[in-house]
Amino acid sequence: MKRSRGFRSKSRYKLTKKMRKNRTNIITRSMQKFENGEKVAIVIDPSFHHGMPHPRYHGITGEIVDMQGRAYVVKIKDKKKIKHILAFPEHLRKIT
């Protein structure tokens, strides 16, 4: 048999929600707005599948560059490369 290597492979604990902890309202997080140049953290919400960035970018800080539809383009630095990640606002948190 060949092992499956899907989008969410090797992310059992990363993409799970703790019981009764951080019960934030998904509606308020989907309505949040970001401005260009604003710093955000990519924190994946596993209960919302649309616009989910790859799990390897969970916990990384980036900067909002643009908007594509409902999704935001986040510029991050991955080692020496600059990458642009698409993510819905449910998976982003403002850094103050």
Protein backbone atom coordinates (compact mmCIF):
# COMPACT_ATOMS: atom_id res chain seq x y z
CA MET A 1 0.00 0.00 0.00
CA LYS A 2 1.05 3.54 -0.65
CA ARG A 3 0.73 6.16 2.07
CA SER A 4 -1.52 9.11 1.40
CA ARG A 5 0.20 12.52 1.28
CA GLY A 6 -2.70 14.95 1.29
CA PHE A 7 -2.89 18.63 2.15
CA ARG A 8 -3.43 17.95 5.85
CA SER A 9 -0.96 15.09 6.29
CA LYS A 10 1.29 15.17 9.39
CA SER A 11 -0.87 17.82 11.05
CA ARG A 12 -2.87 15.83 13.60
CA TYR A 13 -2.15 18.10 16.56
CA LYS A 14 -1.57 21.31 14.63
CA LEU A 15 -5.02 21.28 13.05
CA THR A 16 -7.14 20.35 16.06
CA LYS A 17 -9.06 22.62 18.38
CA LYS A 18 -8.78 22.28 22.13
CA MET A 19 -12.03 21.61 23.98
CA ARG A 20 -13.54 24.68 25.63
CA LYS A 21 -10.47 26.79 24.93
CA ASN A 22 -10.44 29.88 22.73
CA ARG A 23 -14.08 29.74 21.77
CA THR A 24 -13.82 32.77 19.54
CA ASN A 25 -16.74 33.61 17.33
CA ILE A 26 -16.04 32.71 13.70
CA ILE A 27 -18.41 35.43 12.51
CA THR A 28 -16.48 38.26 14.14
CA ARG A 29 -13.21 36.90 12.82
CA SER A 30 -14.60 36.62 9.29
CA MET A 31 -15.71 40.27 9.42
CA GLN A 32 -12.34 41.67 10.48
CA LYS A 33 -10.64 44.02 8.01
CA PHE A 34 -6.94 44.52 7.41
CA GLU A 35 -5.06 47.39 5.78
CA ASN A 36 -2.06 47.12 3.47
CA GLY A 37 1.19 47.04 5.43
CA GLU A 38 -0.44 45.69 8.59
CA LYS A 39 1.33 42.88 10.48
CA VAL A 40 -0.64 39.65 10.95
CA ALA A 41 -0.02 36.17 12.32
CA ILE A 42 -1.18 33.13 10.37
CA VAL A 43 -3.12 31.02 12.88
CA ILE A 44 -5.11 28.33 11.09
CA ASP A 45 -8.64 27.67 12.29
CA PRO A 46 -9.31 23.99 11.47
CA SER A 47 -13.09 24.39 11.69
CA PHE A 48 -13.14 26.67 8.64
CA HIS A 49 -11.75 24.96 5.54
CA HIS A 50 -12.10 27.69 2.91
CA GLY A 51 -9.04 29.87 2.33
CA MET A 52 -6.87 27.77 4.61
CA PRO A 53 -3.12 28.25 4.00
CA HIS A 54 -0.82 25.26 4.04
CA PRO A 55 -0.16 23.97 7.58
CA ARG A 56 3.59 24.64 7.24
CA TYR A 57 2.81 28.38 7.49
CA HIS A 58 0.87 28.04 10.78
CA GLY A 59 2.30 30.44 13.36
CA ILE A 60 4.28 32.59 10.92
CA THR A 61 4.11 36.38 10.97
CA GLY A 62 3.64 38.32 7.75
CA GLU A 63 2.50 41.58 6.23
CA ILE A 64 -0.72 42.27 4.30
CA VAL A 65 0.09 43.20 0.71
CA ASP A 66 -3.18 43.02 -1.21
CA MET A 67 -6.68 41.56 -1.32
CA GLN A 68 -7.99 38.94 -3.77
CA GLY A 69 -11.73 38.56 -3.46
CA ARG A 70 -12.36 37.81 0.21
CA ALA A 71 -8.82 36.52 0.74
CA TYR A 72 -5.78 38.53 1.76
CA VAL A 73 -2.32 38.23 0.24
CA VAL A 74 0.23 37.92 3.05
CA LYS A 75 3.92 38.44 2.34
CA ILE A 76 6.15 36.20 4.45
CA LYS A 77 9.83 35.38 4.51
CA ASP A 78 10.57 31.67 4.18
CA LYS A 79 14.31 31.29 4.86
CA LYS A 80 15.78 33.55 2.14
CA LYS A 81 12.73 33.67 -0.15
CA ILE A 82 9.84 36.10 -0.08
CA LYS A 83 6.52 34.28 -0.54
CA HIS A 84 2.94 35.44 -0.95
CA ILE A 85 0.30 33.36 0.86
CA LEU A 86 -3.45 33.59 0.25
CA ALA A 87 -5.54 33.30 3.40
CA PHE A 88 -9.06 34.12 4.46
CA PRO A 89 -9.48 36.49 7.44
CA GLU A 90 -10.60 33.59 9.68
CA HIS A 91 -7.01 32.33 9.62
CA LEU A 92 -5.36 35.69 10.36
CA ARG A 93 -4.88 37.59 13.61
CA LYS A 94 -3.71 41.17 14.07
CA ILE A 95 -0.41 41.79 15.82
CA THR A 96 -0.36 44.88 18.01
